[in-house]
Every structure is written in C-alpha cells, then in structure tokens.
Amino acid sequence: MTGIYQGRWTARAEGPFVVFIIGMRINSIWRVHRWFPLIRAMTRMLTELYRQPELGFMGGKTWFGRTIILVQYWRSFEALETYAKARDREHLPAWAAFNRKIGNSRDVGVYHETYRVEPGQYENVFVNMPPTLSGSVMPLEPADGQLASAKGRIAG
C-alpha cells in the first residue's frame, strides 16, 4: 500500500526482529570511481533481497546524500548474518572488493549498526503518513485505545 493512512497508526510485529542501519559517506566527492561501485553493489544486494524474501529481509528505506543511509528490517540476526556471509550472494563478494580496492582509503567510508528488537521494547506512530519505515514492513493498526500513547504502545 502506498496511499496515505489518515489518522494515527502503529506498526506491530508478530515477534522479535532486527533493525539494521547501513550506509556510506562520500568523503572525496570527485573520486567517483572510488564510491560509485559501492552504490552499484548495494543496488544489486537490495534487488537480490527484495526478490528473495525467504532470506529474511523484510524491507527498508534508503536516503541519498553525501552520507547514504539505509534502514532495514530483518526477521532475525541469524538471517542477516547468514546473508552477509553467504559466498553465493551479492554481499560477500562486494565486501571483499571494497576491502581490496578501498581498504583504508579516506575517499569513502562505510558503517553499520545492528539492533535486536524484542516485543514490547519498541513503539512507533504514523500520523497522516503513507506506510514508512517499520510501517512499510509490519502490519499497521489504528493507534487508539491503549495504543494511543507511546507508553501504551511500548507496553502493548
């Protein structure tokens, strides 16, 4: 669904999940040959992940600028780690190429953060928004009654 959900909504997962924040920073804007291959590699990875939901990738959102940010949702840390280490998937060859070609160069940087999230340890609200972030990968329900407040949603 891509339409705007009028009113207050909250996204609720059926169980635990993982939030994975990954990205890169272009430190030398004119050294396109150093950072553009990373963008191409990430595009290939995302294409692979969206085409194969059985890998455990639930979806996410990407923002572009000098610092590129991807917020991803995964079914489990184990699914994320399995994908990252799989020799027959896009990530491992891309990571090896980065280390071989970029290494400690200051031209481009990469980063990631991983968070395991248990039920009752998160809350969210979306007001007059299209499905976004967790709301684009988890079922949405009206944020009313007990779910009307942040305290109620996190206890929910």
C-alpha atoms as a PDB file:
ATOM      1  CA  MET A   1       0.000   0.000   0.000  1.00  0.00           C
ATOM      2  CA  THR A   2       1.332   3.390  -0.924  1.00  0.00           C
ATOM      3  CA  GLY A   3      -1.605   5.661  -0.035  1.00  0.00           C
ATOM      4  CA  ILE A   4      -1.685   7.946   2.965  1.00  0.00           C
ATOM      5  CA  TYR A   5      -3.144   6.395   6.092  1.00  0.00           C
ATOM      6  CA  GLN A   6      -5.284   9.165   7.561  1.00  0.00           C
ATOM      7  CA  GLY A   7      -5.217   9.429  11.321  1.00  0.00           C
ATOM      8  CA  ARG A   8      -2.935   7.687  13.831  1.00  0.00           C
ATOM      9  CA  TRP A   9      -1.487   4.239  13.098  1.00  0.00           C
ATOM     10  CA  THR A  10       1.098   1.973  14.670  1.00  0.00           C
ATOM     11  CA  ALA A  11       3.113  -0.909  13.211  1.00  0.00           C
ATOM     12  CA  ARG A  12       3.177  -4.102  15.252  1.00  0.00           C
ATOM     13  CA  ALA A  13       5.481  -7.056  14.628  1.00  0.00           C
ATOM     14  CA  GLU A  14       4.413 -10.613  15.393  1.00  0.00           C
ATOM     15  CA  GLY A  15       7.658 -11.329  17.239  1.00  0.00           C
ATOM     16  CA  PRO A  16      11.281 -10.193  17.513  1.00  0.00           C
ATOM     17  CA  PHE A  17      13.017  -8.561  14.558  1.00  0.00           C
ATOM     18  CA  VAL A  18      16.277  -6.803  13.706  1.00  0.00           C
ATOM     19  CA  VAL A  19      16.849  -3.188  12.681  1.00  0.00           C
ATOM     20  CA  PHE A  20      19.964  -2.862  10.543  1.00  0.00           C
ATOM     21  CA  ILE A  21      21.277   0.601   9.673  1.00  0.00           C
ATOM     22  CA  ILE A  22      23.909   0.584   6.973  1.00  0.00           C
ATOM     23  CA  GLY A  23      25.401   3.171   4.688  1.00  0.00           C
ATOM     24  CA  MET A  24      28.351   5.027   3.359  1.00  0.00           C
ATOM     25  CA  ARG A  25      29.808   8.513   3.348  1.00  0.00           C
ATOM     26  CA  ILE A  26      31.392  10.055   0.286  1.00  0.00           C
ATOM     27  CA  ASN A  27      34.497  11.764   1.667  1.00  0.00           C
ATOM     28  CA  SER A  28      36.057  12.709  -1.689  1.00  0.00           C
ATOM     29  CA  ILE A  29      33.179  13.768  -3.914  1.00  0.00           C
ATOM     30  CA  TRP A  30      35.283  13.964  -7.103  1.00  0.00           C
ATOM     31  CA  ARG A  31      36.671  10.420  -6.702  1.00  0.00           C
ATOM     32  CA  VAL A  32      33.558   8.890  -8.256  1.00  0.00           C
ATOM     33  CA  HIS A  33      35.453   5.774  -9.330  1.00  0.00           C
ATOM     34  CA  ARG A  34      36.037   5.022  -5.604  1.00  0.00           C
ATOM     35  CA  TRP A  35      32.486   5.387  -4.246  1.00  0.00           C
ATOM     36  CA  PHE A  36      30.148   4.697  -7.184  1.00  0.00           C
ATOM     37  CA  PRO A  37      30.977   0.947  -7.244  1.00  0.00           C
ATOM     38  CA  LEU A  38      29.636   0.738  -3.686  1.00  0.00           C
ATOM     39  CA  ILE A  39      26.324   2.256  -4.775  1.00  0.00           C
ATOM     40  CA  ARG A  40      26.103  -0.261  -7.639  1.00  0.00           C
ATOM     41  CA  ALA A  41      26.912  -3.127  -5.264  1.00  0.00           C
ATOM     42  CA  MET A  42      24.260  -2.023  -2.765  1.00  0.00           C
ATOM     43  CA  THR A  43      21.719  -1.764  -5.571  1.00  0.00           C
ATOM     44  CA  ARG A  44      22.483  -5.371  -6.567  1.00  0.00           C
ATOM     45  CA  MET A  45      22.154  -6.503  -2.947  1.00  0.00           C
ATOM     46  CA  LEU A  46      18.805  -4.767  -2.468  1.00  0.00           C
ATOM     47  CA  THR A  47      17.489  -6.207  -5.731  1.00  0.00           C
ATOM     48  CA  GLU A  48      18.520  -9.681  -4.581  1.00  0.00           C
ATOM     49  CA  LEU A  49      16.942  -9.204  -1.145  1.00  0.00           C
ATOM     50  CA  TYR A  50      13.607  -7.848  -2.415  1.00  0.00           C
ATOM     51  CA  ARG A  51      13.354 -10.702  -4.917  1.00  0.00           C
ATOM     52  CA  GLN A  52      14.030 -13.373  -2.270  1.00  0.00           C
ATOM     53  CA  PRO A  53      12.066 -12.624   0.923  1.00  0.00           C
ATOM     54  CA  GLU A  54      12.904 -16.120   2.192  1.00  0.00           C
ATOM     55  CA  LEU A  55      16.376 -14.712   3.014  1.00  0.00           C
ATOM     56  CA  GLY A  56      14.788 -12.893   5.957  1.00  0.00           C
ATOM     57  CA  PHE A  57      14.910  -9.304   4.668  1.00  0.00           C
ATOM     58  CA  MET A  58      11.587  -7.600   5.423  1.00  0.00           C
ATOM     59  CA  GLY A  59      12.228  -4.280   3.644  1.00  0.00           C
ATOM     60  CA  GLY A  60      13.548  -0.836   4.349  1.00  0.00           C
ATOM     61  CA  LYS A  61      14.150   2.721   3.250  1.00  0.00           C
ATOM     62  CA  THR A  62      17.139   4.479   1.661  1.00  0.00           C
ATOM     63  CA  TRP A  63      18.119   8.149   1.817  1.00  0.00           C
ATOM     64  CA  PHE A  64      20.711   9.632  -0.535  1.00  0.00           C
ATOM     65  CA  GLY A  65      23.093  12.490   0.103  1.00  0.00           C
ATOM     66  CA  ARG A  66      26.795  12.763   0.820  1.00  0.00           C
ATOM     67  CA  THR A  67      26.020  10.275   3.580  1.00  0.00           C
ATOM     68  CA  ILE A  68      23.780   7.473   2.349  1.00  0.00           C
ATOM     69  CA  ILE A  69      21.583   5.811   4.959  1.00  0.00           C
ATOM     70  CA  LEU A  70      19.668   2.557   4.635  1.00  0.00           C
ATOM     71  CA  VAL A  71      17.337   1.477   7.435  1.00  0.00           C
ATOM     72  CA  GLN A  72      16.494  -2.189   7.015  1.00  0.00           C
ATOM     73  CA  TYR A  73      14.264  -4.635   8.858  1.00  0.00           C
ATOM     74  CA  TRP A  74      15.195  -8.325   9.133  1.00  0.00           C
ATOM     75  CA  ARG A  75      13.330 -11.283  10.613  1.00  0.00           C
ATOM     76  CA  SER A  76      16.365 -12.214  12.756  1.00  0.00           C
ATOM     77  CA  PHE A  77      20.035 -11.538  13.367  1.00  0.00           C
ATOM     78  CA  GLU A  78      20.782 -15.065  12.171  1.00  0.00           C
ATOM     79  CA  ALA A  79      19.130 -14.355   8.793  1.00  0.00           C
ATOM     80  CA  LEU A  80      21.142 -11.133   8.437  1.00  0.00           C
ATOM     81  CA  GLU A  81      24.407 -12.844   9.351  1.00  0.00           C
ATOM     82  CA  THR A  82      23.710 -15.806   7.067  1.00  0.00           C
ATOM     83  CA  TYR A  83      23.144 -13.418   4.167  1.00  0.00           C
ATOM     84  CA  ALA A  84      26.268 -11.389   4.972  1.00  0.00           C
ATOM     85  CA  LYS A  85      28.488 -14.500   4.988  1.00  0.00           C
ATOM     86  CA  ALA A  86      26.950 -16.377   2.047  1.00  0.00           C
ATOM     87  CA  ARG A  87      29.512 -16.896  -0.705  1.00  0.00           C
ATOM     88  CA  ASP A  88      26.796 -17.272  -3.341  1.00  0.00           C
ATOM     89  CA  ARG A  89      25.055 -13.955  -2.539  1.00  0.00           C
ATOM     90  CA  GLU A  90      25.881 -10.357  -3.508  1.00  0.00           C
ATOM     91  CA  HIS A  91      27.216  -9.109  -0.146  1.00  0.00           C
ATOM     92  CA  LEU A  92      30.368 -11.141   0.487  1.00  0.00           C
ATOM     93  CA  PRO A  93      31.982 -10.503  -2.935  1.00  0.00           C
ATOM     94  CA  ALA A  94      31.113  -6.791  -2.641  1.00  0.00           C
ATOM     95  CA  TRP A  95      32.666  -6.597   0.843  1.00  0.00           C
ATOM     96  CA  ALA A  96      35.825  -8.359  -0.378  1.00  0.00           C
ATOM     97  CA  ALA A  97      36.061  -5.962  -3.346  1.00  0.00           C
ATOM     98  CA  PHE A  98      35.660  -2.969  -1.028  1.00  0.00           C
ATOM     99  CA  ASN A  99      38.463  -4.174   1.224  1.00  0.00           C
ATOM    100  CA  ARG A 100      40.708  -4.927  -1.749  1.00  0.00           C
ATOM    101  CA  LYS A 101      40.090  -1.687  -3.691  1.00  0.00           C
ATOM    102  CA  ILE A 102      39.341   0.849  -0.950  1.00  0.00           C
ATOM    103  CA  GLY A 103      40.771  -0.571   2.250  1.00  0.00           C
ATOM    104  CA  ASN A 104      41.889   2.322   4.450  1.00  0.00           C
ATOM    105  CA  SER A 105      41.495   4.991   1.755  1.00  0.00           C
ATOM    106  CA  ARG A 106      39.867   8.155   3.028  1.00  0.00           C
ATOM    107  CA  ASP A 107      37.819   8.564  -0.173  1.00  0.00           C
ATOM    108  CA  VAL A 108      34.753   6.710   1.077  1.00  0.00           C
ATOM    109  CA  GLY A 109      33.600   5.310   4.392  1.00  0.00           C
ATOM    110  CA  VAL A 110      31.072   2.631   5.291  1.00  0.00           C
ATOM    111  CA  TYR A 111      29.232   1.864   8.522  1.00  0.00           C
ATOM    112  CA  HIS A 112      26.510  -0.269  10.023  1.00  0.00           C
ATOM    113  CA  GLU A 113      24.621  -0.725  13.279  1.00  0.00           C
ATOM    114  CA  THR A 114      22.523  -3.745  14.249  1.00  0.00           C
ATOM    115  CA  TYR A 115      19.749  -3.831  16.846  1.00  0.00           C
ATOM    116  CA  ARG A 116      17.801  -6.874  18.027  1.00  0.00           C
ATOM    117  CA  VAL A 117      14.286  -5.781  18.955  1.00  0.00           C
ATOM    118  CA  GLU A 118      12.029  -7.820  21.211  1.00  0.00           C
ATOM    119  CA  PRO A 119       8.252  -7.448  21.525  1.00  0.00           C
ATOM    120  CA  GLY A 120       7.333  -4.710  23.982  1.00  0.00           C
ATOM    121  CA  GLN A 121      10.699  -2.970  23.502  1.00  0.00           C
ATOM    122  CA  TYR A 122       9.709  -0.531  20.760  1.00  0.00           C
ATOM    123  CA  GLU A 123       6.906   1.786  19.776  1.00  0.00           C
ATOM    124  CA  ASN A 124       6.048   3.893  16.763  1.00  0.00           C
ATOM    125  CA  VAL A 125       3.276   6.108  15.483  1.00  0.00           C
ATOM    126  CA  PHE A 126       2.468   7.331  11.986  1.00  0.00           C
ATOM    127  CA  VAL A 127       0.048  10.242  11.584  1.00  0.00           C
ATOM    128  CA  ASN A 128      -1.317  11.004   8.118  1.00  0.00           C
ATOM    129  CA  MET A 129       1.579   9.112   6.526  1.00  0.00           C
ATOM    130  CA  PRO A 130       1.994   6.548   3.823  1.00  0.00           C
ATOM    131  CA  PRO A 131       3.498   3.311   5.174  1.00  0.00           C
ATOM    132  CA  THR A 132       7.117   4.124   6.003  1.00  0.00           C
ATOM    133  CA  LEU A 133       9.987   2.508   7.930  1.00  0.00           C
ATOM    134  CA  SER A 134       8.536  -0.213  10.198  1.00  0.00           C
ATOM    135  CA  GLY A 135       5.078   0.713   8.950  1.00  0.00           C
ATOM    136  CA  SER A 136       6.066  -0.441   5.472  1.00  0.00           C
ATOM    137  CA  VAL A 137       7.146  -3.925   6.594  1.00  0.00           C
ATOM    138  CA  MET A 138       4.835  -4.720   9.542  1.00  0.00           C
ATOM    139  CA  PRO A 139       1.044  -4.789   9.839  1.00  0.00           C
ATOM    140  CA  LEU A 140      -0.485  -1.421  10.701  1.00  0.00           C
ATOM    141  CA  GLU A 141      -3.317  -0.972  13.159  1.00  0.00           C
ATOM    142  CA  PRO A 142      -5.085   2.116  14.485  1.00  0.00           C
ATOM    143  CA  ALA A 143      -3.199   3.830  17.307  1.00  0.00           C
ATOM    144  CA  ASP A 144      -6.194   4.233  19.571  1.00  0.00           C
ATOM    145  CA  GLY A 145      -7.272   2.924  22.957  1.00  0.00           C
ATOM    146  CA  GLN A 146      -4.214   1.531  24.755  1.00  0.00           C
ATOM    147  CA  LEU A 147      -2.136   2.172  21.616  1.00  0.00           C
ATOM    148  CA  ALA A 148      -2.912   5.935  21.623  1.00  0.00           C
ATOM    149  CA  SER A 149       0.155   6.807  23.755  1.00  0.00           C
ATOM    150  CA  ALA A 150       3.822   5.909  23.458  1.00  0.00           C
ATOM    151  CA  LYS A 151       3.642   4.285  26.902  1.00  0.00           C
ATOM    152  CA  GLY A 152       0.682   2.182  25.835  1.00  0.00           C
ATOM    153  CA  ARG A 153       2.308   1.141  22.552  1.00  0.00           C
ATOM    154  CA  ILE A 154       5.569   0.088  24.191  1.00  0.00           C
ATOM    155  CA  ALA A 155       3.702  -1.893  26.849  1.00  0.00           C
ATOM    156  CA  GLY A 156       1.208  -3.176  24.264  1.00  0.00           C
END
